[in-house]
PDB file of N, CA and C in Angstrom:
ATOM      1  N   MET A   1      46.249   3.858  32.877  1.00  0.00           N
ATOM      2  CA  MET A   1      46.453   2.774  33.434  1.00  0.00           C
ATOM      3  C   MET A   1      45.521   1.661  33.474  1.00  0.00           C
ATOM      4  N   LEU A   2      44.384   1.907  34.110  1.00  0.00           N
ATOM      5  CA  LEU A   2      43.364   1.250  34.097  1.00  0.00           C
ATOM      6  C   LEU A   2      42.275   1.306  32.919  1.00  0.00           C
ATOM      7  N   ALA A   3      42.114   0.176  32.288  1.00  0.00           N
ATOM      8  CA  ALA A   3      41.213  -0.021  31.139  1.00  0.00           C
ATOM      9  C   ALA A   3      39.769  -0.247  31.625  1.00  0.00           C
ATOM     10  N   GLY A   4      38.947  -0.196  30.720  1.00  0.00           N
ATOM     11  CA  GLY A   4      37.576  -0.626  31.116  1.00  0.00           C
ATOM     12  C   GLY A   4      36.928  -0.052  32.281  1.00  0.00           C
ATOM     13  N   CYS A   5      37.339   1.399  32.470  1.00  0.00           N
ATOM     14  CA  CYS A   5      36.620   2.184  33.677  1.00  0.00           C
ATOM     15  C   CYS A   5      35.209   2.379  33.547  1.00  0.00           C
ATOM     16  N   SER A   6      34.563   2.166  32.456  1.00  0.00           N
ATOM     17  CA  SER A   6      33.216   2.090  32.346  1.00  0.00           C
ATOM     18  C   SER A   6      32.428   0.931  33.137  1.00  0.00           C
ATOM     19  N   LYS A   7      33.476   0.046  33.518  1.00  0.00           N
ATOM     20  CA  LYS A   7      32.642  -1.188  34.155  1.00  0.00           C
ATOM     21  C   LYS A   7      32.899  -0.984  35.585  1.00  0.00           C
ATOM     22  N   LEU A   8      32.848   0.193  36.268  1.00  0.00           N
ATOM     23  CA  LEU A   8      33.283  -0.055  37.567  1.00  0.00           C
ATOM     24  C   LEU A   8      32.066  -0.583  38.333  1.00  0.00           C
ATOM     25  N   PRO A   9      32.473  -1.208  39.584  1.00  0.00           N
ATOM     26  CA  PRO A   9      33.645  -1.604  40.135  1.00  0.00           C
ATOM     27  C   PRO A   9      34.047  -2.752  39.353  1.00  0.00           C
ATOM     28  N   PRO A  10      35.463  -2.967  39.343  1.00  0.00           N
ATOM     29  CA  PRO A  10      35.970  -4.110  38.553  1.00  0.00           C
ATOM     30  C   PRO A  10      35.556  -5.298  38.718  1.00  0.00           C
ATOM     31  N   ALA A  11      35.188  -6.104  38.034  1.00  0.00           N
ATOM     32  CA  ALA A  11      34.654  -7.421  38.251  1.00  0.00           C
ATOM     33  C   ALA A  11      33.297  -7.582  39.062  1.00  0.00           C
ATOM     34  N   GLY A  12      32.901  -6.273  39.394  1.00  0.00           N
ATOM     35  CA  GLY A  12      31.546  -6.406  40.303  1.00  0.00           C
ATOM     36  C   GLY A  12      30.600  -7.182  39.720  1.00  0.00           C
ATOM     37  N   PHE A  13      30.346  -7.263  38.297  1.00  0.00           N
ATOM     38  CA  PHE A  13      29.057  -8.060  37.805  1.00  0.00           C
ATOM     39  C   PHE A  13      29.162  -9.625  38.225  1.00  0.00           C
ATOM     40  N   TRP A  14      30.306 -10.031  38.982  1.00  0.00           N
ATOM     41  CA  TRP A  14      30.371 -11.452  39.369  1.00  0.00           C
ATOM     42  C   TRP A  14      29.592 -11.890  40.471  1.00  0.00           C
ATOM     43  N   LYS A  15      29.066 -10.500  41.229  1.00  0.00           N
ATOM     44  CA  LYS A  15      28.211 -10.671  42.359  1.00  0.00           C
ATOM     45  C   LYS A  15      26.958 -10.916  41.899  1.00  0.00           C
ATOM     46  N   ASN A  16      26.487 -10.889  40.752  1.00  0.00           N
ATOM     47  CA  ASN A  16      25.155 -11.038  40.227  1.00  0.00           C
ATOM     48  C   ASN A  16      24.971 -12.555  39.586  1.00  0.00           C
ATOM     49  N   PHE A  17      26.038 -13.164  39.742  1.00  0.00           N
ATOM     50  CA  PHE A  17      26.111 -14.619  39.193  1.00  0.00           C
ATOM     51  C   PHE A  17      25.535 -15.547  40.183  1.00  0.00           C
ATOM     52  N   ASP A  18      24.698 -16.295  40.296  1.00  0.00           N
ATOM     53  CA  ASP A  18      24.029 -17.093  41.375  1.00  0.00           C
ATOM     54  C   ASP A  18      24.286 -16.442  42.787  1.00  0.00           C
ATOM     55  N   SER A  19      23.725 -15.159  42.953  1.00  0.00           N
ATOM     56  CA  SER A  19      24.147 -14.362  44.182  1.00  0.00           C
ATOM     57  C   SER A  19      23.502 -15.167  45.387  1.00  0.00           C
ATOM     58  N   ARG A  20      22.646 -15.744  45.477  1.00  0.00           N
ATOM     59  CA  ARG A  20      21.953 -16.325  46.669  1.00  0.00           C
ATOM     60  C   ARG A  20      22.822 -17.536  47.236  1.00  0.00           C
ATOM     61  N   HIS A  21      23.788 -18.032  46.332  1.00  0.00           N
ATOM     62  CA  HIS A  21      24.541 -18.996  46.813  1.00  0.00           C
ATOM     63  C   HIS A  21      26.159 -18.489  47.076  1.00  0.00           C
ATOM     64  N   ILE A  22      26.313 -17.374  47.003  1.00  0.00           N
ATOM     65  CA  ILE A  22      27.535 -16.832  47.523  1.00  0.00           C
ATOM     66  C   ILE A  22      27.805 -16.992  49.059  1.00  0.00           C
ATOM     67  N   ILE A  23      28.855 -17.732  49.310  1.00  0.00           N
ATOM     68  CA  ILE A  23      29.061 -17.876  50.855  1.00  0.00           C
ATOM     69  C   ILE A  23      30.195 -17.089  51.420  1.00  0.00           C
ATOM     70  N   ASN A  24      31.091 -16.175  50.627  1.00  0.00           N
ATOM     71  CA  ASN A  24      32.009 -15.386  51.084  1.00  0.00           C
ATOM     72  C   ASN A  24      32.545 -14.474  50.027  1.00  0.00           C
ATOM     73  N   LYS A  25      32.543 -13.410  50.317  1.00  0.00           N
ATOM     74  CA  LYS A  25      33.268 -12.453  49.190  1.00  0.00           C
ATOM     75  C   LYS A  25      34.039 -11.418  49.833  1.00  0.00           C
ATOM     76  N   THR A  26      35.311 -11.042  49.170  1.00  0.00           N
ATOM     77  CA  THR A  26      35.973  -9.907  49.806  1.00  0.00           C
ATOM     78  C   THR A  26      36.228  -9.072  48.795  1.00  0.00           C
ATOM     79  N   SER A  27      36.709  -7.915  49.069  1.00  0.00           N
ATOM     80  CA  SER A  27      36.954  -6.793  47.942  1.00  0.00           C
ATOM     81  C   SER A  27      37.776  -5.537  48.666  1.00  0.00           C
ATOM     82  N   GLN A  28      38.820  -5.388  48.108  1.00  0.00           N
ATOM     83  CA  GLN A  28      39.753  -4.256  48.448  1.00  0.00           C
ATOM     84  C   GLN A  28      40.009  -3.460  47.439  1.00  0.00           C
ATOM     85  N   GLN A  29      39.776  -2.334  47.351  1.00  0.00           N
ATOM     86  CA  GLN A  29      39.758  -1.192  46.139  1.00  0.00           C
ATOM     87  C   GLN A  29      40.184  -0.080  46.652  1.00  0.00           C
ATOM     88  N   GLY A  30      40.844   0.648  45.782  1.00  0.00           N
ATOM     89  CA  GLY A  30      41.391   1.888  45.869  1.00  0.00           C
ATOM     90  C   GLY A  30      41.562   2.695  44.736  1.00  0.00           C
ATOM     91  N   LEU A  31      41.804   3.935  44.469  1.00  0.00           N
ATOM     92  CA  LEU A  31      42.216   4.510  43.206  1.00  0.00           C
ATOM     93  C   LEU A  31      43.247   3.760  42.394  1.00  0.00           C
ATOM     94  N   GLY A  32      44.396   3.250  43.163  1.00  0.00           N
ATOM     95  CA  GLY A  32      45.422   2.628  42.378  1.00  0.00           C
ATOM     96  C   GLY A  32      45.196   1.193  41.813  1.00  0.00           C
ATOM     97  N   GLY A  33      44.190   0.613  42.439  1.00  0.00           N
ATOM     98  CA  GLY A  33      44.076  -0.850  42.237  1.00  0.00           C
ATOM     99  C   GLY A  33      43.270  -1.579  43.516  1.00  0.00           C
ATOM    100  N   GLY A  34      43.333  -2.901  43.137  1.00  0.00           N
ATOM    101  CA  GLY A  34      42.623  -3.788  44.295  1.00  0.00           C
ATOM    102  C   GLY A  34      42.387  -4.972  43.837  1.00  0.00           C
ATOM    103  N   HIS A  35      41.598  -5.816  44.674  1.00  0.00           N
ATOM    104  CA  HIS A  35      41.279  -7.128  44.030  1.00  0.00           C
ATOM    105  C   HIS A  35      40.052  -7.533  44.677  1.00  0.00           C
ATOM    106  N   ARG A  36      39.449  -8.622  44.231  1.00  0.00           N
ATOM    107  CA  ARG A  36      38.122  -9.258  44.643  1.00  0.00           C
ATOM    108  C   ARG A  36      38.096 -10.623  44.680  1.00  0.00           C
ATOM    109  N   THR A  37      37.587 -11.311  45.470  1.00  0.00           N
ATOM    110  CA  THR A  37      37.459 -12.775  45.672  1.00  0.00           C
ATOM    111  C   THR A  37      35.951 -13.198  45.982  1.00  0.00           C
ATOM    112  N   ILE A  38      35.480 -14.040  45.301  1.00  0.00           N
ATOM    113  CA  ILE A  38      33.942 -14.475  45.611  1.00  0.00           C
ATOM    114  C   ILE A  38      34.080 -16.155  45.772  1.00  0.00           C
ATOM    115  N   TYR A  39      33.304 -16.693  46.638  1.00  0.00           N
ATOM    116  CA  TYR A  39      33.151 -17.915  46.695  1.00  0.00           C
ATOM    117  C   TYR A  39      31.759 -18.297  46.770  1.00  0.00           C
ATOM    118  N   TRP A  40      31.323 -19.288  45.737  1.00  0.00           N
ATOM    119  CA  TRP A  40      29.942 -19.897  45.748  1.00  0.00           C
ATOM    120  C   TRP A  40      29.919 -21.346  46.032  1.00  0.00           C
ATOM    121  N   GLU A  41      28.885 -22.006  46.694  1.00  0.00           N
ATOM    122  CA  GLU A  41      28.705 -23.181  46.961  1.00  0.00           C
ATOM    123  C   GLU A  41      27.129 -23.488  46.582  1.00  0.00           C
ATOM    124  N   ASN A  42      26.696 -24.549  46.043  1.00  0.00           N
ATOM    125  CA  ASN A  42      25.424 -24.787  45.549  1.00  0.00           C
ATOM    126  C   ASN A  42      25.172 -26.486  45.472  1.00  0.00           C
ATOM    127  N   ALA A  43      24.267 -26.882  46.022  1.00  0.00           N
ATOM    128  CA  ALA A  43      24.104 -28.333  45.931  1.00  0.00           C
ATOM    129  C   ALA A  43      23.796 -28.870  44.295  1.00  0.00           C
ATOM    130  N   ALA A  44      23.164 -27.861  43.537  1.00  0.00           N
ATOM    131  CA  ALA A  44      22.961 -27.987  42.177  1.00  0.00           C
ATOM    132  C   ALA A  44      24.255 -27.816  41.537  1.00  0.00           C
ATOM    133  N   LYS A  45      24.569 -28.453  40.329  1.00  0.00           N
ATOM    134  CA  LYS A  45      25.922 -28.587  39.758  1.00  0.00           C
ATOM    135  C   LYS A  45      25.871 -27.403  39.024  1.00  0.00           C
ATOM    136  N   TYR A  46      27.204 -26.612  38.770  1.00  0.00           N
ATOM    137  CA  TYR A  46      27.347 -25.636  37.966  1.00  0.00           C
ATOM    138  C   TYR A  46      27.788 -25.908  36.440  1.00  0.00           C
ATOM    139  N   LYS A  47      27.138 -25.582  35.639  1.00  0.00           N
ATOM    140  CA  LYS A  47      27.522 -25.984  34.255  1.00  0.00           C
ATOM    141  C   LYS A  47      28.538 -24.891  33.771  1.00  0.00           C
ATOM    142  N   ASP A  48      29.621 -25.388  33.044  1.00  0.00           N
ATOM    143  CA  ASP A  48      30.770 -24.587  32.524  1.00  0.00           C
ATOM    144  C   ASP A  48      29.987 -23.724  31.424  1.00  0.00           C
ATOM    145  N   SER A  49      29.227 -24.169  30.658  1.00  0.00           N
ATOM    146  CA  SER A  49      28.400 -23.448  29.485  1.00  0.00           C
ATOM    147  C   SER A  49      27.858 -22.054  30.034  1.00  0.00           C
ATOM    148  N   ASP A  50      27.351 -22.254  31.257  1.00  0.00           N
ATOM    149  CA  ASP A  50      26.425 -20.986  31.903  1.00  0.00           C
ATOM    150  C   ASP A  50      27.547 -20.180  32.378  1.00  0.00           C
ATOM    151  N   ILE A  51      28.653 -20.606  32.906  1.00  0.00           N
ATOM    152  CA  ILE A  51      29.632 -19.599  33.494  1.00  0.00           C
ATOM    153  C   ILE A  51      30.314 -19.047  32.423  1.00  0.00           C
ATOM    154  N   LEU A  52      30.660 -19.612  31.296  1.00  0.00           N
ATOM    155  CA  LEU A  52      31.262 -19.082  30.230  1.00  0.00           C
ATOM    156  C   LEU A  52      30.500 -18.152  29.358  1.00  0.00           C
ATOM    157  N   LYS A  53      29.243 -18.400  29.473  1.00  0.00           N
ATOM    158  CA  LYS A  53      28.347 -17.317  28.683  1.00  0.00           C
ATOM    159  C   LYS A  53      28.032 -16.262  29.515  1.00  0.00           C
ATOM    160  N   PHE A  54      28.052 -16.166  30.795  1.00  0.00           N
ATOM    161  CA  PHE A  54      27.970 -15.239  31.780  1.00  0.00           C
ATOM    162  C   PHE A  54      29.266 -14.338  31.482  1.00  0.00           C
ATOM    163  N   ALA A  55      30.286 -15.013  31.557  1.00  0.00           N
ATOM    164  CA  ALA A  55      31.370 -14.012  31.312  1.00  0.00           C
ATOM    165  C   ALA A  55      31.455 -13.476  30.017  1.00  0.00           C
ATOM    166  N   ALA A  56      31.158 -14.021  28.991  1.00  0.00           N
ATOM    167  CA  ALA A  56      31.215 -13.396  27.676  1.00  0.00           C
ATOM    168  C   ALA A  56      30.104 -12.207  27.682  1.00  0.00           C
ATOM    169  N   ASP A  57      28.969 -12.583  28.214  1.00  0.00           N
ATOM    170  CA  ASP A  57      28.035 -11.351  28.301  1.00  0.00           C
ATOM    171  C   ASP A  57      28.519 -10.220  28.862  1.00  0.00           C
ATOM    172  N   ASN A  58      29.457 -10.355  29.618  1.00  0.00           N
ATOM    173  CA  ASN A  58      30.000  -9.207  30.509  1.00  0.00           C
ATOM    174  C   ASN A  58      31.225  -8.787  29.835  1.00  0.00           C
ATOM    175  N   GLU A  59      31.749  -9.325  28.658  1.00  0.00           N
ATOM    176  CA  GLU A  59      32.943  -8.764  27.724  1.00  0.00           C
ATOM    177  C   GLU A  59      33.996  -9.488  28.453  1.00  0.00           C
ATOM    178  N   TRP A  60      34.021 -10.443  29.165  1.00  0.00           N
ATOM    179  CA  TRP A  60      35.264 -10.983  29.510  1.00  0.00           C
ATOM    180  C   TRP A  60      35.669 -12.041  28.259  1.00  0.00           C
ATOM    181  N   THR A  61      36.825 -12.209  27.893  1.00  0.00           N
ATOM    182  CA  THR A  61      37.324 -13.036  26.820  1.00  0.00           C
ATOM    183  C   THR A  61      37.969 -14.194  27.506  1.00  0.00           C
ATOM    184  N   LEU A  62      37.679 -15.567  27.175  1.00  0.00           N
ATOM    185  CA  LEU A  62      38.389 -16.546  27.559  1.00  0.00           C
ATOM    186  C   LEU A  62      39.776 -16.856  27.083  1.00  0.00           C
ATOM    187  N   ILE A  63      40.801 -16.857  27.763  1.00  0.00           N
ATOM    188  CA  ILE A  63      42.133 -17.017  27.269  1.00  0.00           C
ATOM    189  C   ILE A  63      42.445 -18.472  27.237  1.00  0.00           C
ATOM    190  N   SER A  64      42.202 -19.244  28.286  1.00  0.00           N
ATOM    191  CA  SER A  64      42.406 -20.447  28.500  1.00  0.00           C
ATOM    192  C   SER A  64      41.927 -21.174  29.648  1.00  0.00           C
ATOM    193  N   SER A  65      42.367 -22.427  29.727  1.00  0.00           N
ATOM    194  CA  SER A  65      41.573 -23.218  30.930  1.00  0.00           C
ATOM    195  C   SER A  65      42.800 -24.286  31.388  1.00  0.00           C
ATOM    196  N   LYS A  66      42.789 -24.669  32.740  1.00  0.00           N
ATOM    197  CA  LYS A  66      43.446 -25.864  32.725  1.00  0.00           C
ATOM    198  C   LYS A  66      43.007 -26.456  34.133  1.00  0.00           C
ATOM    199  N   THR A  67      43.581 -27.767  34.368  1.00  0.00           N
ATOM    200  CA  THR A  67      43.245 -28.536  35.652  1.00  0.00           C
ATOM    201  C   THR A  67      43.966 -27.902  36.882  1.00  0.00           C
ATOM    202  N   ILE A  68      43.672 -27.681  37.982  1.00  0.00           N
ATOM    203  CA  ILE A  68      44.373 -27.304  38.963  1.00  0.00           C
ATOM    204  C   ILE A  68      43.900 -27.938  40.234  1.00  0.00           C
ATOM    205  N   THR A  69      45.162 -27.855  41.096  1.00  0.00           N
ATOM    206  CA  THR A  69      44.971 -28.639  42.660  1.00  0.00           C
ATOM    207  C   THR A  69      45.060 -27.437  43.467  1.00  0.00           C
ATOM    208  N   ALA A  70      44.800 -27.710  44.744  1.00  0.00           N
ATOM    209  CA  ALA A  70      44.434 -26.520  45.780  1.00  0.00           C
ATOM    210  C   ALA A  70      45.867 -26.151  46.191  1.00  0.00           C
ATOM    211  N   GLY A  71      46.131 -25.126  46.358  1.00  0.00           N
ATOM    212  CA  GLY A  71      47.490 -24.689  47.007  1.00  0.00           C
ATOM    213  C   GLY A  71      47.948 -23.160  46.950  1.00  0.00           C
ATOM    214  N   GLU A  72      47.218 -22.410  46.141  1.00  0.00           N
ATOM    215  CA  GLU A  72      47.351 -20.936  46.088  1.00  0.00           C
ATOM    216  C   GLU A  72      46.511 -20.494  47.180  1.00  0.00           C
ATOM    217  N   SER A  73      46.731 -19.441  47.793  1.00  0.00           N
ATOM    218  CA  SER A  73      45.775 -18.607  48.978  1.00  0.00           C
ATOM    219  C   SER A  73      44.294 -18.921  48.924  1.00  0.00           C
ATOM    220  N   TRP A  74      44.082 -18.667  47.713  1.00  0.00           N
ATOM    221  CA  TRP A  74      42.435 -18.280  47.257  1.00  0.00           C
ATOM    222  C   TRP A  74      42.028 -19.806  46.647  1.00  0.00           C
ATOM    223  N   VAL A  75      42.739 -20.816  46.264  1.00  0.00           N
ATOM    224  CA  VAL A  75      42.435 -22.072  45.801  1.00  0.00           C
ATOM    225  C   VAL A  75      42.275 -22.866  46.851  1.00  0.00           C
ATOM    226  N   LYS A  76      40.851 -23.286  47.108  1.00  0.00           N
ATOM    227  CA  LYS A  76      40.702 -24.096  48.280  1.00  0.00           C
ATOM    228  C   LYS A  76      40.218 -25.598  47.795  1.00  0.00           C
ATOM    229  N   TYR A  77      40.277 -25.798  46.560  1.00  0.00           N
ATOM    230  CA  TYR A  77      39.780 -27.134  46.117  1.00  0.00           C
ATOM    231  C   TYR A  77      40.382 -27.276  44.820  1.00  0.00           C
ATOM    232  N   PRO A  78      40.431 -28.834  44.360  1.00  0.00           N
ATOM    233  CA  PRO A  78      40.977 -29.167  42.952  1.00  0.00           C
ATOM    234  C   PRO A  78      39.725 -28.640  41.900  1.00  0.00           C
ATOM    235  N   GLY A  79      40.090 -28.514  40.803  1.00  0.00           N
ATOM    236  CA  GLY A  79      39.098 -28.292  39.736  1.00  0.00           C
ATOM    237  C   GLY A  79      39.590 -27.814  38.480  1.00  0.00           C
ATOM    238  N   LYS A  80      38.810 -27.177  37.538  1.00  0.00           N
ATOM    239  CA  LYS A  80      39.197 -26.571  36.559  1.00  0.00           C
ATOM    240  C   LYS A  80      39.302 -25.015  36.454  1.00  0.00           C
ATOM    241  N   MET A  81      40.364 -24.403  36.159  1.00  0.00           N
ATOM    242  CA  MET A  81      40.435 -23.006  36.170  1.00  0.00           C
ATOM    243  C   MET A  81      40.124 -22.387  34.839  1.00  0.00           C
ATOM    244  N   TYR A  82      39.368 -21.463  34.848  1.00  0.00           N
ATOM    245  CA  TYR A  82      39.432 -20.632  33.540  1.00  0.00           C
ATOM    246  C   TYR A  82      39.947 -19.303  33.843  1.00  0.00           C
ATOM    247  N   ILE A  83      40.803 -18.813  32.576  1.00  0.00           N
ATOM    248  CA  ILE A  83      41.477 -17.684  32.712  1.00  0.00           C
ATOM    249  C   ILE A  83      40.810 -16.476  31.758  1.00  0.00           C
ATOM    250  N   PHE A  84      40.669 -15.207  32.116  1.00  0.00           N
ATOM    251  CA  PHE A  84      39.894 -14.503  31.212  1.00  0.00           C
ATOM    252  C   PHE A  84      40.641 -13.194  31.255  1.00  0.00           C
ATOM    253  N   ASP A  85      40.660 -12.703  30.006  1.00  0.00           N
ATOM    254  CA  ASP A  85      41.001 -11.204  29.773  1.00  0.00           C
ATOM    255  C   ASP A  85      39.980 -10.319  30.268  1.00  0.00           C
ATOM    256  N   SER A  86      40.127  -9.518  31.406  1.00  0.00           N
ATOM    257  CA  SER A  86      39.202  -8.822  32.140  1.00  0.00           C
ATOM    258  C   SER A  86      39.028  -7.352  31.291  1.00  0.00           C
ATOM    259  N   GLU A  87      39.902  -7.056  30.444  1.00  0.00           N
ATOM    260  CA  GLU A  87      39.995  -5.757  29.759  1.00  0.00           C
ATOM    261  C   GLU A  87      40.506  -4.535  30.954  1.00  0.00           C
ATOM    262  N   TRP A  88      40.981  -5.004  32.020  1.00  0.00           N
ATOM    263  CA  TRP A  88      41.521  -4.120  32.737  1.00  0.00           C
ATOM    264  C   TRP A  88      43.247  -4.636  32.934  1.00  0.00           C
ATOM    265  N   THR A  89      44.040  -3.736  33.540  1.00  0.00           N
ATOM    266  CA  THR A  89      45.299  -3.996  33.615  1.00  0.00           C
ATOM    267  C   THR A  89      45.796  -3.735  34.924  1.00  0.00           C
ATOM    268  N   LYS A  90      47.067  -4.390  35.171  1.00  0.00           N
ATOM    269  CA  LYS A  90      47.878  -4.023  36.385  1.00  0.00           C
ATOM    270  C   LYS A  90      49.111  -4.105  36.225  1.00  0.00           C
ATOM    271  N   VAL A  91      49.840  -3.352  37.241  1.00  0.00           N
ATOM    272  CA  VAL A  91      51.270  -2.942  37.048  1.00  0.00           C
ATOM    273  C   VAL A  91      52.151  -3.986  37.525  1.00  0.00           C
ATOM    274  N   VAL A  92      53.099  -4.644  36.846  1.00  0.00           N
ATOM    275  CA  VAL A  92      53.997  -5.496  37.353  1.00  0.00           C
ATOM    276  C   VAL A  92      55.431  -5.038  36.687  1.00  0.00           C
ATOM    277  N   ASN A  93      56.300  -4.954  37.700  1.00  0.00           N
ATOM    278  CA  ASN A  93      57.756  -4.333  37.320  1.00  0.00           C
ATOM    279  C   ASN A  93      57.655  -3.023  36.705  1.00  0.00           C
ATOM    280  N   GLY A  94      56.596  -2.165  37.028  1.00  0.00           N
ATOM    281  CA  GLY A  94      56.494  -1.007  36.151  1.00  0.00           C
ATOM    282  C   GLY A  94      56.000  -0.865  34.960  1.00  0.00           C
ATOM    283  N   LYS A  95      55.407  -2.002  34.485  1.00  0.00           N
ATOM    284  CA  LYS A  95      54.863  -2.059  33.273  1.00  0.00           C
ATOM    285  C   LYS A  95      53.377  -2.508  33.269  1.00  0.00           C
ATOM    286  N   ASP A  96      52.465  -1.991  32.327  1.00  0.00           N
ATOM    287  CA  ASP A  96      51.162  -2.410  32.404  1.00  0.00           C
ATOM    288  C   ASP A  96      50.999  -3.952  31.845  1.00  0.00           C
ATOM    289  N   GLN A  97      50.182  -4.922  32.468  1.00  0.00           N
ATOM    290  CA  GLN A  97      50.000  -6.058  31.874  1.00  0.00           C
ATOM    291  C   GLN A  97      48.436  -6.430  31.943  1.00  0.00           C
ATOM    292  N   VAL A  98      47.957  -7.324  31.245  1.00  0.00           N
ATOM    293  CA  VAL A  98      46.658  -7.749  31.330  1.00  0.00           C
ATOM    294  C   VAL A  98      46.495  -8.277  32.593  1.00  0.00           C
ATOM    295  N   ALA A  99      45.201  -7.587  33.519  1.00  0.00           N
ATOM    296  CA  ALA A  99      44.796  -8.139  34.709  1.00  0.00           C
ATOM    297  C   ALA A  99      43.730  -9.365  34.539  1.00  0.00           C
ATOM    298  N   TYR A 100      44.244 -10.459  34.592  1.00  0.00           N
ATOM    299  CA  TYR A 100      43.460 -11.632  34.272  1.00  0.00           C
ATOM    300  C   TYR A 100      42.545 -11.964  35.457  1.00  0.00           C
ATOM    301  N   GLY A 101      41.276 -12.368  34.900  1.00  0.00           N
ATOM    302  CA  GLY A 101      40.248 -12.965  35.799  1.00  0.00           C
ATOM    303  C   GLY A 101      40.412 -14.345  36.066  1.00  0.00           C
ATOM    304  N   TYR A 102      40.469 -14.837  37.107  1.00  0.00           N
ATOM    305  CA  TYR A 102      40.381 -16.469  37.151  1.00  0.00           C
ATOM    306  C   TYR A 102      38.861 -16.967  38.012  1.00  0.00           C
ATOM    307  N   LEU A 103      38.360 -18.022  37.131  1.00  0.00           N
ATOM    308  CA  LEU A 103      37.319 -18.715  37.750  1.00  0.00           C
ATOM    309  C   LEU A 103      37.533 -20.279  37.870  1.00  0.00           C
ATOM    310  N   LEU A 104      37.562 -20.660  39.329  1.00  0.00           N
ATOM    311  CA  LEU A 104      37.778 -22.233  39.492  1.00  0.00           C
ATOM    312  C   LEU A 104      36.443 -22.791  39.812  1.00  0.00           C
ATOM    313  N   VAL A 105      36.195 -23.808  38.913  1.00  0.00           N
ATOM    314  CA  VAL A 105      35.114 -24.719  39.070  1.00  0.00           C
ATOM    315  C   VAL A 105      35.435 -26.003  39.681  1.00  0.00           C
ATOM    316  N   SER A 106      35.023 -26.645  40.881  1.00  0.00           N
ATOM    317  CA  SER A 106      35.382 -27.655  41.510  1.00  0.00           C
ATOM    318  C   SER A 106      35.207 -28.897  40.709  1.00  0.00           C
ATOM    319  N   THR A 107      35.892 -29.807  41.135  1.00  0.00           N
ATOM    320  CA  THR A 107      35.810 -31.025  40.284  1.00  0.00           C
ATOM    321  C   THR A 107      34.174 -31.509  40.154  1.00  0.00           C
ATOM    322  N   ASP A 108      33.736 -31.462  41.292  1.00  0.00           N
ATOM    323  CA  ASP A 108      32.364 -31.916  41.373  1.00  0.00           C
ATOM    324  C   ASP A 108      31.250 -30.891  40.964  1.00  0.00           C
ATOM    325  N   HIS A 109      31.748 -29.732  40.258  1.00  0.00           N
ATOM    326  CA  HIS A 109      30.896 -28.560  40.021  1.00  0.00           C
ATOM    327  C   HIS A 109      29.953 -28.153  41.028  1.00  0.00           C
ATOM    328  N   THR A 110      30.043 -28.163  42.189  1.00  0.00           N
ATOM    329  CA  THR A 110      29.174 -27.591  43.256  1.00  0.00           C
ATOM    330  C   THR A 110      29.878 -26.368  43.863  1.00  0.00           C
ATOM    331  N   LYS A 111      31.215 -26.072  43.479  1.00  0.00           N
ATOM    332  CA  LYS A 111      31.655 -24.818  44.166  1.00  0.00           C
ATOM    333  C   LYS A 111      32.403 -24.096  43.227  1.00  0.00           C
ATOM    334  N   LEU A 112      32.389 -22.633  43.290  1.00  0.00           N
ATOM    335  CA  LEU A 112      33.078 -21.715  42.315  1.00  0.00           C
ATOM    336  C   LEU A 112      33.918 -20.846  43.043  1.00  0.00           C
ATOM    337  N   THR A 113      35.214 -20.427  42.688  1.00  0.00           N
ATOM    338  CA  THR A 113      35.817 -19.519  43.340  1.00  0.00           C
ATOM    339  C   THR A 113      36.247 -18.632  42.282  1.00  0.00           C
ATOM    340  N   PHE A 114      36.149 -17.205  42.368  1.00  0.00           N
ATOM    341  CA  PHE A 114      36.465 -16.105  41.318  1.00  0.00           C
ATOM    342  C   PHE A 114      37.715 -15.341  42.210  1.00  0.00           C
ATOM    343  N   TYR A 115      38.682 -15.064  41.391  1.00  0.00           N
ATOM    344  CA  TYR A 115      39.637 -14.119  41.905  1.00  0.00           C
ATOM    345  C   TYR A 115      40.117 -12.940  40.591  1.00  0.00           C
ATOM    346  N   HIS A 116      40.290 -11.784  41.070  1.00  0.00           N
ATOM    347  CA  HIS A 116      40.534 -10.889  40.155  1.00  0.00           C
ATOM    348  C   HIS A 116      41.458  -9.687  40.862  1.00  0.00           C
ATOM    349  N   SER A 117      42.415  -9.345  40.393  1.00  0.00           N
ATOM    350  CA  SER A 117      43.515  -8.297  40.880  1.00  0.00           C
ATOM    351  C   SER A 117      43.791  -7.323  39.854  1.00  0.00           C
ATOM    352  N   TRP A 118      43.901  -6.078  40.125  1.00  0.00           N
ATOM    353  CA  TRP A 118      44.107  -5.140  39.163  1.00  0.00           C
ATOM    354  C   TRP A 118      44.872  -3.809  39.758  1.00  0.00           C
ATOM    355  N   GLY A 119      45.294  -2.988  38.722  1.00  0.00           N
ATOM    356  CA  GLY A 119      45.924  -1.697  39.242  1.00  0.00           C
ATOM    357  C   GLY A 119      47.320  -1.822  39.450  1.00  0.00           C
ATOM    358  N   LYS A 120      47.796  -1.127  40.616  1.00  0.00           N
ATOM    359  CA  LYS A 120      49.236  -1.145  41.106  1.00  0.00           C
ATOM    360  C   LYS A 120      49.311  -2.227  41.963  1.00  0.00           C
TER     361      LYS A 120
END
């Protein structure tokens, strides 16, 4: 069910991206799946190219991006949402599907939010 098991914990590498500016992180994991959320804030502006390179260096493939407004539980501000293939899966209605990883860059490029959910 879970692909990418050689990369345990799932999406854990994101804790190494600008780690000194992480302001909050949550992770709930078990044998059947879990989720991870990380929030960053930095007075210096985040460059999209640095974020995309970091993801690619960790074997995450960019699927798409879109402009988004606040509204979902983990989305706290408007910005640009990057959607990645994480090489993990999750079960939806009894079927394996890609467990996408999401990274939101705030409009002013001083905040990042990461979200990933996998497994059952």
